[in-house]
Amino acid sequence: MPDQYVRVASLNEIPEGRSKLVNVDGDDIAVWRIGGKCYAINNVCPHQHFSKLNEGTLDGLYLTCPMHGWTFNLEDGRPKTGSGLAKVYRVRIENGEVLVGAQL
């Protein structure tokens, strides 16, 4: 449901510019903290289903998969390089807690 959120971490558990791998309902999700905000992306790259987006590199809000270099926007999952849409999720921060919701 779009209005249901699950607590996945405390904000202080995710260092600035880094990610934390969490599991929500069986899905591995990389939660990235950038500029004090958090973004959540399915950990599986849509290219060859490589499960390491949490180990990717950032350029602003663009995340590059470490396997083949495909790059996706953390806000909407659209590719900058490569093709296919990455799954991204709604994120809220409340009282220092990071909550992940439905896929966008």
PDB file of N, CA and C in Angstrom:
ATOM      1  N   MET A   1       0.842  -1.178   0.000  1.00  0.00           N
ATOM      2  CA  MET A   1       0.000   0.000   0.000  1.00  0.00           C
ATOM      3  C   MET A   1       0.890   1.245   0.000  1.00  0.00           C
ATOM      4  N   PRO A   2       0.527   2.269  -0.753  1.00  0.00           N
ATOM      5  CA  PRO A   2       1.371   3.437  -0.903  1.00  0.00           C
ATOM      6  C   PRO A   2       1.617   4.224   0.382  1.00  0.00           C
ATOM      7  N   ASP A   3       0.718   4.139   1.377  1.00  0.00           N
ATOM      8  CA  ASP A   3       0.897   4.938   2.578  1.00  0.00           C
ATOM      9  C   ASP A   3       1.505   4.156   3.733  1.00  0.00           C
ATOM     10  N   GLN A   4       1.933   2.917   3.508  1.00  0.00           N
ATOM     11  CA  GLN A   4       2.563   2.131   4.555  1.00  0.00           C
ATOM     12  C   GLN A   4       4.076   2.228   4.431  1.00  0.00           C
ATOM     13  N   TYR A   5       4.720   2.508   5.549  1.00  0.00           N
ATOM     14  CA  TYR A   5       6.170   2.623   5.594  1.00  0.00           C
ATOM     15  C   TYR A   5       6.715   1.682   6.651  1.00  0.00           C
ATOM     16  N   VAL A   6       7.935   1.204   6.428  1.00  0.00           N
ATOM     17  CA  VAL A   6       8.602   0.288   7.348  1.00  0.00           C
ATOM     18  C   VAL A   6       9.892   0.950   7.817  1.00  0.00           C
ATOM     19  N   ARG A   7      10.127   0.930   9.120  1.00  0.00           N
ATOM     20  CA  ARG A   7      11.378   1.464   9.654  1.00  0.00           C
ATOM     21  C   ARG A   7      12.501   0.522   9.236  1.00  0.00           C
ATOM     22  N   VAL A   8      13.573   1.088   8.653  1.00  0.00           N
ATOM     23  CA  VAL A   8      14.686   0.253   8.195  1.00  0.00           C
ATOM     24  C   VAL A   8      16.002   0.579   8.891  1.00  0.00           C
ATOM     25  N   ALA A   9      16.110   1.791   9.474  1.00  0.00           N
ATOM     26  CA  ALA A   9      17.363   2.186  10.124  1.00  0.00           C
ATOM     27  C   ALA A   9      17.175   3.510  10.847  1.00  0.00           C
ATOM     28  N   SER A  10      18.107   3.791  11.728  1.00  0.00           N
ATOM     29  CA  SER A  10      18.228   5.139  12.275  1.00  0.00           C
ATOM     30  C   SER A  10      19.050   5.941  11.271  1.00  0.00           C
ATOM     31  N   LEU A  11      18.774   7.210  11.161  1.00  0.00           N
ATOM     32  CA  LEU A  11      19.496   8.045  10.212  1.00  0.00           C
ATOM     33  C   LEU A  11      21.004   8.008  10.487  1.00  0.00           C
ATOM     34  N   ASN A  12      21.386   7.965  11.758  1.00  0.00           N
ATOM     35  CA  ASN A  12      22.811   7.965  12.085  1.00  0.00           C
ATOM     36  C   ASN A  12      23.509   6.648  11.731  1.00  0.00           C
ATOM     37  N   GLU A  13      22.767   5.620  11.341  1.00  0.00           N
ATOM     38  CA  GLU A  13      23.355   4.349  10.903  1.00  0.00           C
ATOM     39  C   GLU A  13      23.836   4.411   9.452  1.00  0.00           C
ATOM     40  N   ILE A  14      23.434   5.456   8.737  1.00  0.00           N
ATOM     41  CA  ILE A  14      23.791   5.582   7.320  1.00  0.00           C
ATOM     42  C   ILE A  14      24.673   6.817   7.160  1.00  0.00           C
ATOM     43  N   PRO A  15      25.979   6.625   7.002  1.00  0.00           N
ATOM     44  CA  PRO A  15      26.863   7.780   6.846  1.00  0.00           C
ATOM     45  C   PRO A  15      26.567   8.541   5.552  1.00  0.00           C
ATOM     46  N   GLU A  16      26.805   9.837   5.578  1.00  0.00           N
ATOM     47  CA  GLU A  16      26.622  10.677   4.399  1.00  0.00           C
ATOM     48  C   GLU A  16      27.424  10.105   3.223  1.00  0.00           C
ATOM     49  N   GLY A  17      26.762   9.990   2.050  1.00  0.00           N
ATOM     50  CA  GLY A  17      27.414   9.487   0.844  1.00  0.00           C
ATOM     51  C   GLY A  17      27.581   7.976   0.807  1.00  0.00           C
ATOM     52  N   ARG A  18      26.969   7.284   1.737  1.00  0.00           N
ATOM     53  CA  ARG A  18      27.097   5.828   1.817  1.00  0.00           C
ATOM     54  C   ARG A  18      25.707   5.185   1.818  1.00  0.00           C
ATOM     55  N   SER A  19      25.696   3.851   1.773  1.00  0.00           N
ATOM     56  CA  SER A  19      24.431   3.137   1.772  1.00  0.00           C
ATOM     57  C   SER A  19      24.372   2.125   2.899  1.00  0.00           C
ATOM     58  N   LYS A  20      23.166   1.702   3.178  1.00  0.00           N
ATOM     59  CA  LYS A  20      22.910   0.602   4.107  1.00  0.00           C
ATOM     60  C   LYS A  20      21.995  -0.365   3.385  1.00  0.00           C
ATOM     61  N   LEU A  21      22.354  -1.625   3.366  1.00  0.00           N
ATOM     62  CA  LEU A  21      21.528  -2.652   2.734  1.00  0.00           C
ATOM     63  C   LEU A  21      20.498  -3.131   3.748  1.00  0.00           C
ATOM     64  N   VAL A  22      19.228  -3.090   3.352  1.00  0.00           N
ATOM     65  CA  VAL A  22      18.131  -3.516   4.222  1.00  0.00           C
ATOM     66  C   VAL A  22      17.249  -4.498   3.452  1.00  0.00           C
ATOM     67  N   ASN A  23      16.399  -5.187   4.157  1.00  0.00           N
ATOM     68  CA  ASN A  23      15.467  -6.106   3.514  1.00  0.00           C
ATOM     69  C   ASN A  23      14.061  -5.729   3.946  1.00  0.00           C
ATOM     70  N   VAL A  24      13.194  -5.508   2.968  1.00  0.00           N
ATOM     71  CA  VAL A  24      11.800  -5.182   3.222  1.00  0.00           C
ATOM     72  C   VAL A  24      10.945  -6.153   2.437  1.00  0.00           C
ATOM     73  N   ASP A  25      10.188  -6.962   3.137  1.00  0.00           N
ATOM     74  CA  ASP A  25       9.290  -7.935   2.507  1.00  0.00           C
ATOM     75  C   ASP A  25      10.000  -8.807   1.477  1.00  0.00           C
ATOM     76  N   GLY A  26      11.224  -9.221   1.784  1.00  0.00           N
ATOM     77  CA  GLY A  26      11.967 -10.106   0.903  1.00  0.00           C
ATOM     78  C   GLY A  26      12.774  -9.416  -0.176  1.00  0.00           C
ATOM     79  N   ASP A  27      12.686  -8.088  -0.275  1.00  0.00           N
ATOM     80  CA  ASP A  27      13.449  -7.330  -1.269  1.00  0.00           C
ATOM     81  C   ASP A  27      14.657  -6.671  -0.616  1.00  0.00           C
ATOM     82  N   ASP A  28      15.849  -6.896  -1.174  1.00  0.00           N
ATOM     83  CA  ASP A  28      17.036  -6.194  -0.711  1.00  0.00           C
ATOM     84  C   ASP A  28      17.028  -4.804  -1.312  1.00  0.00           C
ATOM     85  N   ILE A  29      17.155  -3.808  -0.448  1.00  0.00           N
ATOM     86  CA  ILE A  29      17.070  -2.410  -0.847  1.00  0.00           C
ATOM     87  C   ILE A  29      18.291  -1.679  -0.307  1.00  0.00           C
ATOM     88  N   ALA A  30      18.936  -0.911  -1.170  1.00  0.00           N
ATOM     89  CA  ALA A  30      20.059  -0.070  -0.765  1.00  0.00           C
ATOM     90  C   ALA A  30      19.509   1.313  -0.436  1.00  0.00           C
ATOM     91  N   VAL A  31      19.699   1.739   0.801  1.00  0.00           N
ATOM     92  CA  VAL A  31      19.253   3.064   1.231  1.00  0.00           C
ATOM     93  C   VAL A  31      20.485   3.956   1.292  1.00  0.00           C
ATOM     94  N   TRP A  32      20.484   4.994   0.469  1.00  0.00           N
ATOM     95  CA  TRP A  32      21.609   5.923   0.348  1.00  0.00           C
ATOM     96  C   TRP A  32      21.280   7.228   1.044  1.00  0.00           C
ATOM     97  N   ARG A  33      22.266   7.813   1.719  1.00  0.00           N
ATOM     98  CA  ARG A  33      22.096   9.117   2.359  1.00  0.00           C
ATOM     99  C   ARG A  33      22.945  10.143   1.606  1.00  0.00           C
ATOM    100  N   ILE A  34      22.261  11.143   1.058  1.00  0.00           N
ATOM    101  CA  ILE A  34      22.928  12.159   0.249  1.00  0.00           C
ATOM    102  C   ILE A  34      22.343  13.520   0.611  1.00  0.00           C
ATOM    103  N   GLY A  35      23.205  14.414   1.036  1.00  0.00           N
ATOM    104  CA  GLY A  35      22.752  15.761   1.369  1.00  0.00           C
ATOM    105  C   GLY A  35      21.716  15.788   2.468  1.00  0.00           C
ATOM    106  N   GLY A  36      21.815  14.864   3.409  1.00  0.00           N
ATOM    107  CA  GLY A  36      20.873  14.813   4.517  1.00  0.00           C
ATOM    108  C   GLY A  36      19.554  14.130   4.187  1.00  0.00           C
ATOM    109  N   LYS A  37      19.349  13.761   2.924  1.00  0.00           N
ATOM    110  CA  LYS A  37      18.139  13.038   2.515  1.00  0.00           C
ATOM    111  C   LYS A  37      18.506  11.581   2.267  1.00  0.00           C
ATOM    112  N   CYS A  38      17.504  10.729   2.248  1.00  0.00           N
ATOM    113  CA  CYS A  38      17.732   9.317   1.951  1.00  0.00           C
ATOM    114  C   CYS A  38      16.949   8.907   0.706  1.00  0.00           C
ATOM    115  N   TYR A  39      17.544   7.994  -0.038  1.00  0.00           N
ATOM    116  CA  TYR A  39      16.963   7.461  -1.265  1.00  0.00           C
ATOM    117  C   TYR A  39      17.064   5.945  -1.195  1.00  0.00           C
ATOM    118  N   ALA A  40      16.053   5.260  -1.681  1.00  0.00           N
ATOM    119  CA  ALA A  40      16.027   3.799  -1.620  1.00  0.00           C
ATOM    120  C   ALA A  40      15.882   3.226  -3.025  1.00  0.00           C
ATOM    121  N   ILE A  41      16.758   2.278  -3.346  1.00  0.00           N
ATOM    122  CA  ILE A  41      16.753   1.638  -4.660  1.00  0.00           C
ATOM    123  C   ILE A  41      16.898   0.142  -4.462  1.00  0.00           C
ATOM    124  N   ASN A  42      16.174  -0.627  -5.256  1.00  0.00           N
ATOM    125  CA  ASN A  42      16.319  -2.075  -5.189  1.00  0.00           C
ATOM    126  C   ASN A  42      17.775  -2.410  -5.451  1.00  0.00           C
ATOM    127  N   ASN A  43      18.327  -3.325  -4.698  1.00  0.00           N
ATOM    128  CA  ASN A  43      19.749  -3.632  -4.793  1.00  0.00           C
ATOM    129  C   ASN A  43      20.112  -4.377  -6.069  1.00  0.00           C
ATOM    130  N   VAL A  44      19.134  -4.808  -6.839  1.00  0.00           N
ATOM    131  CA  VAL A  44      19.376  -5.584  -8.052  1.00  0.00           C
ATOM    132  C   VAL A  44      19.374  -4.676  -9.282  1.00  0.00           C
ATOM    133  N   CYS A  45      20.499  -4.645  -9.989  1.00  0.00           N
ATOM    134  CA  CYS A  45      20.591  -3.879 -11.226  1.00  0.00           C
ATOM    135  C   CYS A  45      19.716  -4.548 -12.292  1.00  0.00           C
ATOM    136  N   PRO A  46      18.907  -3.779 -13.020  1.00  0.00           N
ATOM    137  CA  PRO A  46      18.047  -4.390 -14.033  1.00  0.00           C
ATOM    138  C   PRO A  46      18.808  -4.948 -15.236  1.00  0.00           C
ATOM    139  N   HIS A  47      20.100  -4.650 -15.356  1.00  0.00           N
ATOM    140  CA  HIS A  47      20.888  -5.107 -16.492  1.00  0.00           C
ATOM    141  C   HIS A  47      21.037  -6.626 -16.498  1.00  0.00           C
ATOM    142  N   GLN A  48      21.798  -7.156 -15.554  1.00  0.00           N
ATOM    143  CA  GLN A  48      21.981  -8.614 -15.484  1.00  0.00           C
ATOM    144  C   GLN A  48      21.657  -9.129 -14.093  1.00  0.00           C
ATOM    145  N   HIS A  49      20.809  -8.403 -13.398  1.00  0.00           N
ATOM    146  CA  HIS A  49      20.321  -8.803 -12.078  1.00  0.00           C
ATOM    147  C   HIS A  49      21.456  -9.023 -11.091  1.00  0.00           C
ATOM    148  N   PHE A  50      22.466  -8.169 -11.185  1.00  0.00           N
ATOM    149  CA  PHE A  50      23.612  -8.182 -10.284  1.00  0.00           C
ATOM    150  C   PHE A  50      23.210  -7.467  -8.997  1.00  0.00           C
ATOM    151  N   SER A  51      23.307  -8.128  -7.870  1.00  0.00           N
ATOM    152  CA  SER A  51      22.810  -7.607  -6.591  1.00  0.00           C
ATOM    153  C   SER A  51      23.882  -6.882  -5.787  1.00  0.00           C
ATOM    154  N   LYS A  52      24.361  -5.761  -6.306  1.00  0.00           N
ATOM    155  CA  LYS A  52      25.405  -5.027  -5.600  1.00  0.00           C
ATOM    156  C   LYS A  52      25.281  -3.518  -5.777  1.00  0.00           C
ATOM    157  N   LEU A  53      24.080  -3.003  -6.045  1.00  0.00           N
ATOM    158  CA  LEU A  53      23.949  -1.563  -6.195  1.00  0.00           C
ATOM    159  C   LEU A  53      24.344  -0.829  -4.915  1.00  0.00           C
ATOM    160  N   ASN A  54      24.275  -1.513  -3.775  1.00  0.00           N
ATOM    161  CA  ASN A  54      24.709  -0.899  -2.520  1.00  0.00           C
ATOM    162  C   ASN A  54      26.212  -0.642  -2.500  1.00  0.00           C
ATOM    163  N   GLU A  55      26.956  -1.249  -3.418  1.00  0.00           N
ATOM    164  CA  GLU A  55      28.400  -1.055  -3.501  1.00  0.00           C
ATOM    165  C   GLU A  55      28.789  -0.151  -4.672  1.00  0.00           C
ATOM    166  N   GLY A  56      27.793   0.462  -5.297  1.00  0.00           N
ATOM    167  CA  GLY A  56      28.047   1.324  -6.444  1.00  0.00           C
ATOM    168  C   GLY A  56      28.695   2.638  -6.053  1.00  0.00           C
ATOM    169  N   THR A  57      28.951   3.463  -7.058  1.00  0.00           N
ATOM    170  CA  THR A  57      29.553   4.777  -6.826  1.00  0.00           C
ATOM    171  C   THR A  57      28.550   5.868  -7.176  1.00  0.00           C
ATOM    172  N   LEU A  58      28.671   6.986  -6.482  1.00  0.00           N
ATOM    173  CA  LEU A  58      27.743   8.101  -6.659  1.00  0.00           C
ATOM    174  C   LEU A  58      28.372   9.250  -7.416  1.00  0.00           C
ATOM    175  N   ASP A  59      27.544   9.901  -8.209  1.00  0.00           N
ATOM    176  CA  ASP A  59      27.869  11.181  -8.823  1.00  0.00           C
ATOM    177  C   ASP A  59      26.614  12.016  -8.665  1.00  0.00           C
ATOM    178  N   GLY A  60      26.556  12.805  -7.617  1.00  0.00           N
ATOM    179  CA  GLY A  60      25.321  13.514  -7.296  1.00  0.00           C
ATOM    180  C   GLY A  60      24.262  12.506  -6.908  1.00  0.00           C
ATOM    181  N   LEU A  61      23.132  12.520  -7.631  1.00  0.00           N
ATOM    182  CA  LEU A  61      22.059  11.550  -7.365  1.00  0.00           C
ATOM    183  C   LEU A  61      22.083  10.390  -8.344  1.00  0.00           C
ATOM    184  N   TYR A  62      23.189  10.217  -9.053  1.00  0.00           N
ATOM    185  CA  TYR A  62      23.329   9.108  -9.985  1.00  0.00           C
ATOM    186  C   TYR A  62      24.199   8.016  -9.371  1.00  0.00           C
ATOM    187  N   LEU A  63      23.683   6.801  -9.401  1.00  0.00           N
ATOM    188  CA  LEU A  63      24.358   5.633  -8.838  1.00  0.00           C
ATOM    189  C   LEU A  63      24.809   4.726  -9.972  1.00  0.00           C
ATOM    190  N   THR A  64      26.093   4.377  -9.965  1.00  0.00           N
ATOM    191  CA  THR A  64      26.648   3.509 -10.997  1.00  0.00           C
ATOM    192  C   THR A  64      26.875   2.116 -10.433  1.00  0.00           C
ATOM    193  N   CYS A  65      26.331   1.120 -11.119  1.00  0.00           N
ATOM    194  CA  CYS A  65      26.483  -0.277 -10.727  1.00  0.00           C
ATOM    195  C   CYS A  65      27.955  -0.682 -10.875  1.00  0.00           C
ATOM    196  N   PRO A  66      28.524  -1.362  -9.881  1.00  0.00           N
ATOM    197  CA  PRO A  66      29.931  -1.731  -9.957  1.00  0.00           C
ATOM    198  C   PRO A  66      30.227  -2.865 -10.944  1.00  0.00           C
ATOM    199  N   MET A  67      29.223  -3.555 -11.426  1.00  0.00           N
ATOM    200  CA  MET A  67      29.456  -4.688 -12.315  1.00  0.00           C
ATOM    201  C   MET A  67      29.739  -4.260 -13.755  1.00  0.00           C
ATOM    202  N   HIS A  68      28.832  -3.510 -14.376  1.00  0.00           N
ATOM    203  CA  HIS A  68      28.986  -3.147 -15.786  1.00  0.00           C
ATOM    204  C   HIS A  68      28.875  -1.653 -16.050  1.00  0.00           C
ATOM    205  N   GLY A  69      28.769  -0.843 -14.985  1.00  0.00           N
ATOM    206  CA  GLY A  69      28.804   0.596 -15.154  1.00  0.00           C
ATOM    207  C   GLY A  69      27.509   1.273 -15.554  1.00  0.00           C
ATOM    208  N   TRP A  70      26.390   0.563 -15.487  1.00  0.00           N
ATOM    209  CA  TRP A  70      25.122   1.232 -15.790  1.00  0.00           C
ATOM    210  C   TRP A  70      24.805   2.195 -14.658  1.00  0.00           C
ATOM    211  N   THR A  71      24.229   3.353 -15.002  1.00  0.00           N
ATOM    212  CA  THR A  71      23.997   4.419 -14.033  1.00  0.00           C
ATOM    213  C   THR A  71      22.519   4.771 -13.978  1.00  0.00           C
ATOM    214  N   PHE A  72      22.012   4.925 -12.745  1.00  0.00           N
ATOM    215  CA  PHE A  72      20.585   5.187 -12.533  1.00  0.00           C
ATOM    216  C   PHE A  72      20.390   6.375 -11.595  1.00  0.00           C
ATOM    217  N   ASN A  73      19.313   7.121 -11.823  1.00  0.00           N
ATOM    218  CA  ASN A  73      18.940   8.234 -10.972  1.00  0.00           C
ATOM    219  C   ASN A  73      18.258   7.680  -9.719  1.00  0.00           C
ATOM    220  N   LEU A  74      18.722   8.084  -8.552  1.00  0.00           N
ATOM    221  CA  LEU A  74      18.148   7.582  -7.302  1.00  0.00           C
ATOM    222  C   LEU A  74      16.746   8.126  -7.029  1.00  0.00           C
ATOM    223  N   GLU A  75      16.374   9.226  -7.669  1.00  0.00           N
ATOM    224  CA  GLU A  75      15.049   9.795  -7.431  1.00  0.00           C
ATOM    225  C   GLU A  75      13.943   9.063  -8.173  1.00  0.00           C
ATOM    226  N   ASP A  76      14.238   8.626  -9.403  1.00  0.00           N
ATOM    227  CA  ASP A  76      13.178   8.015 -10.204  1.00  0.00           C
ATOM    228  C   ASP A  76      13.562   6.690 -10.869  1.00  0.00           C
ATOM    229  N   GLY A  77      14.806   6.256 -10.715  1.00  0.00           N
ATOM    230  CA  GLY A  77      15.244   4.977 -11.275  1.00  0.00           C
ATOM    231  C   GLY A  77      15.570   4.996 -12.747  1.00  0.00           C
ATOM    232  N   ARG A  78      15.445   6.157 -13.384  1.00  0.00           N
ATOM    233  CA  ARG A  78      15.714   6.238 -14.833  1.00  0.00           C
ATOM    234  C   ARG A  78      17.205   6.090 -15.111  1.00  0.00           C
ATOM    235  N   PRO A  79      17.532   5.419 -16.208  1.00  0.00           N
ATOM    236  CA  PRO A  79      18.941   5.224 -16.531  1.00  0.00           C
ATOM    237  C   PRO A  79      19.578   6.483 -17.132  1.00  0.00           C
ATOM    238  N   LYS A  80      20.818   6.713 -16.764  1.00  0.00           N
ATOM    239  CA  LYS A  80      21.631   7.746 -17.412  1.00  0.00           C
ATOM    240  C   LYS A  80      22.470   7.068 -18.476  1.00  0.00           C
ATOM    241  N   THR A  81      22.962   5.881 -18.151  1.00  0.00           N
ATOM    242  CA  THR A  81      23.641   5.019 -19.116  1.00  0.00           C
ATOM    243  C   THR A  81      22.999   3.648 -19.015  1.00  0.00           C
ATOM    244  N   GLY A  82      23.015   2.907 -20.086  1.00  0.00           N
ATOM    245  CA  GLY A  82      22.338   1.614 -20.104  1.00  0.00           C
ATOM    246  C   GLY A  82      20.863   1.817 -20.377  1.00  0.00           C
ATOM    247  N   SER A  83      20.083   0.825 -20.034  1.00  0.00           N
ATOM    248  CA  SER A  83      18.639   0.922 -20.244  1.00  0.00           C
ATOM    249  C   SER A  83      17.932   0.190 -19.124  1.00  0.00           C
ATOM    250  N   GLY A  84      16.643   0.248 -19.128  1.00  0.00           N
ATOM    251  CA  GLY A  84      15.865  -0.387 -18.076  1.00  0.00           C
ATOM    252  C   GLY A  84      15.726   0.547 -16.888  1.00  0.00           C
ATOM    253  N   LEU A  85      14.649   0.399 -16.198  1.00  0.00           N
ATOM    254  CA  LEU A  85      14.321   1.235 -15.057  1.00  0.00           C
ATOM    255  C   LEU A  85      14.668   0.491 -13.778  1.00  0.00           C
ATOM    256  N   ALA A  86      15.415   1.138 -12.881  1.00  0.00           N
ATOM    257  CA  ALA A  86      15.700   0.550 -11.571  1.00  0.00           C
ATOM    258  C   ALA A  86      14.506   0.829 -10.666  1.00  0.00           C
ATOM    259  N   LYS A  87      14.212  -0.092  -9.772  1.00  0.00           N
ATOM    260  CA  LYS A  87      13.112   0.094  -8.836  1.00  0.00           C
ATOM    261  C   LYS A  87      13.566   1.003  -7.702  1.00  0.00           C
ATOM    262  N   VAL A  88      12.845   2.100  -7.495  1.00  0.00           N
ATOM    263  CA  VAL A  88      13.116   2.995  -6.382  1.00  0.00           C
ATOM    264  C   VAL A  88      11.870   3.059  -5.497  1.00  0.00           C
ATOM    265  N   TYR A  89      12.089   3.442  -4.254  1.00  0.00           N
ATOM    266  CA  TYR A  89      11.029   3.410  -3.249  1.00  0.00           C
ATOM    267  C   TYR A  89      10.883   4.765  -2.565  1.00  0.00           C
ATOM    268  N   ARG A  90       9.697   4.997  -2.045  1.00  0.00           N
ATOM    269  CA  ARG A  90       9.436   6.203  -1.261  1.00  0.00           C
ATOM    270  C   ARG A  90      10.225   6.099   0.051  1.00  0.00           C
ATOM    271  N   VAL A  91      10.717   7.249   0.528  1.00  0.00           N
ATOM    272  CA  VAL A  91      11.470   7.281   1.784  1.00  0.00           C
ATOM    273  C   VAL A  91      11.009   8.487   2.590  1.00  0.00           C
ATOM    274  N   ARG A  92      10.868   8.273   3.893  1.00  0.00           N
ATOM    275  CA  ARG A  92      10.574   9.363   4.825  1.00  0.00           C
ATOM    276  C   ARG A  92      11.561   9.275   5.977  1.00  0.00           C
ATOM    277  N   ILE A  93      11.869  10.413   6.554  1.00  0.00           N
ATOM    278  CA  ILE A  93      12.665  10.448   7.773  1.00  0.00           C
ATOM    279  C   ILE A  93      11.796  11.104   8.839  1.00  0.00           C
ATOM    280  N   GLU A  94      11.582  10.367   9.931  1.00  0.00           N
ATOM    281  CA  GLU A  94      10.757  10.872  11.031  1.00  0.00           C
ATOM    282  C   GLU A  94      11.487  10.630  12.339  1.00  0.00           C
ATOM    283  N   ASN A  95      11.695  11.690  13.084  1.00  0.00           N
ATOM    284  CA  ASN A  95      12.349  11.593  14.396  1.00  0.00           C
ATOM    285  C   ASN A  95      13.656  10.818  14.331  1.00  0.00           C
ATOM    286  N   GLY A  96      14.444  11.053  13.274  1.00  0.00           N
ATOM    287  CA  GLY A  96      15.738  10.404  13.143  1.00  0.00           C
ATOM    288  C   GLY A  96      15.679   8.961  12.677  1.00  0.00           C
ATOM    289  N   GLU A  97      14.512   8.500  12.271  1.00  0.00           N
ATOM    290  CA  GLU A  97      14.332   7.131  11.778  1.00  0.00           C
ATOM    291  C   GLU A  97      14.058   7.150  10.272  1.00  0.00           C
ATOM    292  N   VAL A  98      14.652   6.214   9.550  1.00  0.00           N
ATOM    293  CA  VAL A  98      14.461   6.110   8.096  1.00  0.00           C
ATOM    294  C   VAL A  98      13.374   5.083   7.829  1.00  0.00           C
ATOM    295  N   LEU A  99      12.367   5.494   7.079  1.00  0.00           N
ATOM    296  CA  LEU A  99      11.221   4.642   6.745  1.00  0.00           C
ATOM    297  C   LEU A  99      11.144   4.485   5.237  1.00  0.00           C
ATOM    298  N   VAL A 100      10.955   3.248   4.778  1.00  0.00           N
ATOM    299  CA  VAL A 100      10.824   2.960   3.356  1.00  0.00           C
ATOM    300  C   VAL A 100       9.396   2.528   3.078  1.00  0.00           C
ATOM    301  N   GLY A 101       8.852   3.081   1.997  1.00  0.00           N
ATOM    302  CA  GLY A 101       7.480   2.773   1.609  1.00  0.00           C
ATOM    303  C   GLY A 101       7.411   2.080   0.266  1.00  0.00           C
ATOM    304  N   ALA A 102       6.303   2.273  -0.394  1.00  0.00           N
ATOM    305  CA  ALA A 102       6.006   1.596  -1.659  1.00  0.00           C
ATOM    306  C   ALA A 102       6.956   2.049  -2.763  1.00  0.00           C
ATOM    307  N   GLN A 103       7.060   1.191  -3.759  1.00  0.00           N
ATOM    308  CA  GLN A 103       7.861   1.499  -4.943  1.00  0.00           C
ATOM    309  C   GLN A 103       7.216   2.682  -5.666  1.00  0.00           C
ATOM    310  N   LEU A 104       8.059   3.568  -6.201  1.00  0.00           N
ATOM    311  CA  LEU A 104       7.552   4.702  -6.980  1.00  0.00           C
ATOM    312  C   LEU A 104       7.129   4.260  -8.365  1.00  0.00           C
TER     313      LEU A 104
END
